[in-house]
Amino acid sequence: MMVKICGITNVEDAMAAAEAGASAIGFNFYRESPRYISPTGAAVIAEKIPGKIWKVGVFVDESPEFVAKIALQVGLDVAQLYGCADARGIRIWRACRANESLATYIVDDAVEAILLDTPSEEFYGGTGLTFDWSKVKGLSKKIVIAGGLDADNVQRAIQEAKPWGVDACSRLEKSPGLKDHEKMKQFVQAALRS
């Protein structure tokens, strides 16, 4: 099970995610997000975390050139793309709202995985709300589920959706952008027990 902690904004939270056993951490490069981090700040954190942990950049409506520049600067392993963002030369996780049509992305060989999040008109993720996980069971692409996950519900989500991975953010925080290390640890442990 791939377990990602998203919205990392500081070294302490990144190290705690690594120590908890996370497979990946996410840096949000969308300026309107309360979890936004500058590429320079993300690069400082990325240098300090173990190399086995994937560094995922979250991009909204950005060009392939912008994504490539940030990926190189930070040392990203994956680009998680929302809206009309696009990328080349890096692993792509296409982020979609759970009520969107996925047909285009399922057949796109450039897309390694589809990250499904709770539908919201206001936000690109980080809502803290769940969706009907059973709707994604059996899709023919690697699926990462996000949206309202924490230690209390991640095992049920995994049982219902049978995803390749899980991603949590807002329910693991003290405040936007500041993680609760105990909640992260409990979430990762619960996900890996599934």
Protein backbone atom coordinates (compact mmCIF):
# COMPACT_ATOMS: atom_id res chain seq x y z
CA MET A 1 0.00 0.00 0.00
CA MET A 2 1.40 3.36 -1.05
CA VAL A 3 0.75 5.89 1.74
CA LYS A 4 1.16 9.60 1.00
CA ILE A 5 1.06 12.52 3.41
CA CYS A 6 0.25 15.69 1.49
CA GLY A 7 0.57 19.37 2.31
CA ILE A 8 4.04 19.17 3.85
CA THR A 9 5.37 22.66 4.61
CA ASN A 10 8.28 22.12 7.02
CA VAL A 11 11.18 19.78 7.76
CA GLU A 12 9.79 18.56 11.09
CA ASP A 13 6.57 17.33 9.52
CA ALA A 14 8.44 15.72 6.62
CA MET A 15 10.75 13.85 8.98
CA ALA A 16 7.81 12.73 11.14
CA ALA A 17 6.02 11.42 8.02
CA ALA A 18 9.18 9.53 7.05
CA GLU A 19 9.59 8.08 10.54
CA ALA A 20 5.93 7.03 10.55
CA GLY A 21 6.57 4.95 7.41
CA ALA A 22 4.98 7.11 4.69
CA SER A 23 5.81 6.09 1.11
CA ALA A 24 5.48 9.63 -0.24
CA ILE A 25 5.11 13.24 0.82
CA GLY A 26 3.37 15.96 -1.12
CA PHE A 27 4.41 19.56 -1.71
CA ASN A 28 1.62 21.90 -2.82
CA PHE A 29 2.78 24.45 -5.41
CA TYR A 30 -0.70 25.94 -5.89
CA ARG A 31 -0.38 29.51 -4.58
CA GLU A 32 -4.00 29.77 -3.44
CA SER A 33 -3.70 26.76 -1.14
CA PRO A 34 -3.25 27.29 2.61
CA ARG A 35 -0.60 24.56 2.31
CA TYR A 36 1.37 26.30 -0.42
CA ILE A 37 5.14 25.93 -0.22
CA SER A 38 7.69 27.72 -2.36
CA PRO A 39 9.91 25.60 -4.59
CA THR A 40 12.91 26.79 -2.56
CA GLY A 41 11.28 25.69 0.69
CA ALA A 42 10.35 22.33 -0.78
CA ALA A 43 13.91 21.81 -2.06
CA VAL A 44 15.31 22.35 1.45
CA ILE A 45 12.93 19.72 2.84
CA ALA A 46 13.51 17.30 -0.05
CA GLU A 47 17.26 17.28 0.63
CA LYS A 48 16.68 16.09 4.18
CA ILE A 49 14.24 13.23 3.71
CA PRO A 50 15.33 9.67 2.89
CA GLY A 51 15.68 8.96 -0.83
CA LYS A 52 13.26 6.03 -0.69
CA ILE A 53 10.37 8.40 0.04
CA TRP A 54 8.78 9.77 -3.12
CA LYS A 55 8.52 13.52 -3.42
CA VAL A 56 5.27 14.48 -5.09
CA GLY A 57 4.61 17.97 -6.45
CA VAL A 58 1.00 19.15 -6.56
CA PHE A 59 0.27 21.42 -9.54
CA VAL A 60 -2.93 23.15 -10.67
CA ASP A 61 -3.31 24.45 -14.26
CA GLU A 62 0.46 24.70 -14.85
CA SER A 63 2.41 24.23 -18.08
CA PRO A 64 4.76 21.30 -18.69
CA GLU A 65 7.66 23.78 -18.67
CA PHE A 66 6.74 25.11 -15.23
CA VAL A 67 6.29 21.60 -13.83
CA ALA A 68 9.65 20.50 -15.29
CA LYS A 69 11.44 23.51 -13.79
CA ILE A 70 10.05 22.89 -10.29
CA ALA A 71 10.60 19.12 -10.57
CA LEU A 72 14.26 19.70 -11.33
CA GLN A 73 14.71 22.34 -8.63
CA VAL A 74 13.07 20.24 -5.89
CA GLY A 75 14.04 16.76 -7.10
CA LEU A 76 10.47 15.55 -7.51
CA ASP A 77 9.65 11.94 -8.32
CA VAL A 78 6.00 12.49 -9.27
CA ALA A 79 3.83 15.33 -10.58
CA GLN A 80 0.26 15.26 -9.22
CA LEU A 81 -1.73 17.27 -11.74
CA TYR A 82 -5.05 19.07 -11.28
CA GLY A 83 -7.10 20.90 -13.87
CA CYS A 84 -5.33 21.47 -17.17
CA ALA A 85 -1.83 21.06 -15.71
CA ASP A 86 0.43 18.88 -17.82
CA ALA A 87 3.91 17.40 -17.53
CA ARG A 88 6.51 15.41 -19.44
CA GLY A 89 9.55 13.47 -18.37
CA ILE A 90 8.22 12.68 -14.87
CA ARG A 91 5.77 10.18 -13.39
CA ILE A 92 2.22 11.58 -13.50
CA TRP A 93 -0.61 11.08 -11.06
CA ARG A 94 -3.72 12.71 -12.53
CA ALA A 95 -5.89 14.16 -9.75
CA CYS A 96 -9.65 14.09 -10.35
CA ARG A 97 -12.79 14.75 -8.42
CA ALA A 98 -14.59 11.49 -7.70
CA ASN A 99 -17.59 12.58 -9.79
CA GLU A 100 -15.52 13.26 -12.96
CA SER A 101 -15.27 10.95 -15.95
CA LEU A 102 -11.99 9.04 -15.76
CA ALA A 103 -12.11 7.42 -19.21
CA THR A 104 -9.47 9.69 -20.76
CA TYR A 105 -6.96 9.11 -17.96
CA ILE A 106 -7.51 5.37 -17.66
CA VAL A 107 -6.33 4.85 -21.26
CA ASP A 108 -3.53 7.45 -21.09
CA ASP A 109 -0.22 5.58 -20.84
CA ALA A 110 1.51 8.74 -19.55
CA VAL A 111 -0.66 8.62 -16.41
CA GLU A 112 0.78 6.20 -13.84
CA ALA A 113 -2.06 6.61 -11.34
CA ILE A 114 -5.32 8.46 -10.82
CA LEU A 115 -5.80 10.24 -7.51
CA LEU A 116 -9.49 10.53 -6.67
CA ASP A 117 -10.57 13.20 -4.22
CA THR A 118 -13.87 14.44 -2.85
CA PRO A 119 -15.71 16.74 -5.26
CA SER A 120 -15.55 20.41 -4.29
CA GLU A 121 -16.30 23.56 -6.24
CA GLU A 122 -13.99 25.62 -4.04
CA PHE A 123 -10.90 23.48 -3.44
CA TYR A 124 -8.46 21.21 -5.23
CA GLY A 125 -8.26 18.69 -2.37
CA GLY A 126 -7.78 19.28 1.33
CA THR A 127 -11.52 19.43 2.07
CA GLY A 128 -11.46 16.85 4.86
CA LEU A 129 -14.58 15.22 3.36
CA THR A 130 -14.98 11.67 2.10
CA PHE A 131 -16.76 10.22 -0.95
CA ASP A 132 -18.28 6.83 -1.85
CA TRP A 133 -15.11 4.73 -2.06
CA SER A 134 -16.87 1.69 -3.51
CA LYS A 135 -17.31 3.55 -6.83
CA VAL A 136 -13.60 3.20 -7.64
CA LYS A 137 -13.23 -0.52 -6.97
CA GLY A 138 -12.07 -2.45 -10.01
CA LEU A 139 -10.80 0.41 -12.15
CA SER A 140 -8.04 -0.71 -14.51
CA LYS A 141 -5.48 1.93 -13.47
CA LYS A 142 -3.59 2.41 -10.21
CA ILE A 143 -5.93 4.38 -7.95
CA VAL A 144 -5.00 6.60 -5.02
CA ILE A 145 -7.91 7.67 -2.84
CA ALA A 146 -7.89 10.93 -0.93
CA GLY A 147 -10.44 13.06 0.85
CA GLY A 148 -11.24 12.95 4.54
CA LEU A 149 -8.97 10.04 5.37
CA ASP A 150 -7.50 9.48 8.83
CA ALA A 151 -6.68 6.56 11.12
CA ASP A 152 -10.36 6.03 11.95
CA ASN A 153 -11.57 5.38 8.40
CA VAL A 154 -8.59 4.46 6.20
CA GLN A 155 -8.95 0.71 6.70
CA ARG A 156 -12.62 0.82 5.69
CA ALA A 157 -11.70 2.96 2.67
CA ILE A 158 -9.07 0.44 1.60
CA GLN A 159 -11.49 -2.48 2.02
CA GLU A 160 -14.18 -0.75 -0.04
CA ALA A 161 -12.05 0.76 -2.81
CA LYS A 162 -9.12 -1.69 -3.07
CA PRO A 163 -6.82 1.20 -4.10
CA TRP A 164 -3.12 1.12 -4.93
CA GLY A 165 -2.58 3.95 -2.47
CA VAL A 166 -4.08 6.40 0.01
CA ASP A 167 -3.40 10.10 0.56
CA ALA A 168 -4.23 12.23 3.61
CA CYS A 169 -3.78 15.86 4.46
CA SER A 170 -6.26 18.03 6.35
CA ARG A 171 -7.44 15.47 8.92
CA LEU A 172 -3.83 14.97 10.00
CA GLU A 173 -3.27 18.65 10.84
CA LYS A 174 -3.25 20.92 13.87
CA SER A 175 -3.90 23.80 11.46
CA PRO A 176 -3.55 24.14 7.67
CA GLY A 177 0.02 23.26 6.76
CA LEU A 178 1.04 22.07 10.26
CA LYS A 179 0.78 18.33 10.85
CA ASP A 180 -0.10 16.48 14.03
CA HIS A 181 2.70 13.91 14.23
CA GLU A 182 0.71 11.41 16.30
CA LYS A 183 -2.22 11.54 13.83
CA MET A 184 0.20 10.96 10.93
CA LYS A 185 1.75 7.97 12.68
CA GLN A 186 -1.65 6.44 13.47
CA PHE A 187 -2.85 7.00 9.90
CA VAL A 188 0.19 5.37 8.30
CA GLN A 189 0.08 2.41 10.69
CA ALA A 190 -3.64 1.87 10.07
CA ALA A 191 -3.18 2.03 6.30
CA LEU A 192 -0.28 -0.41 6.32
CA ARG A 193 -2.23 -2.88 8.48
CA SER A 194 -4.96 -3.13 5.83
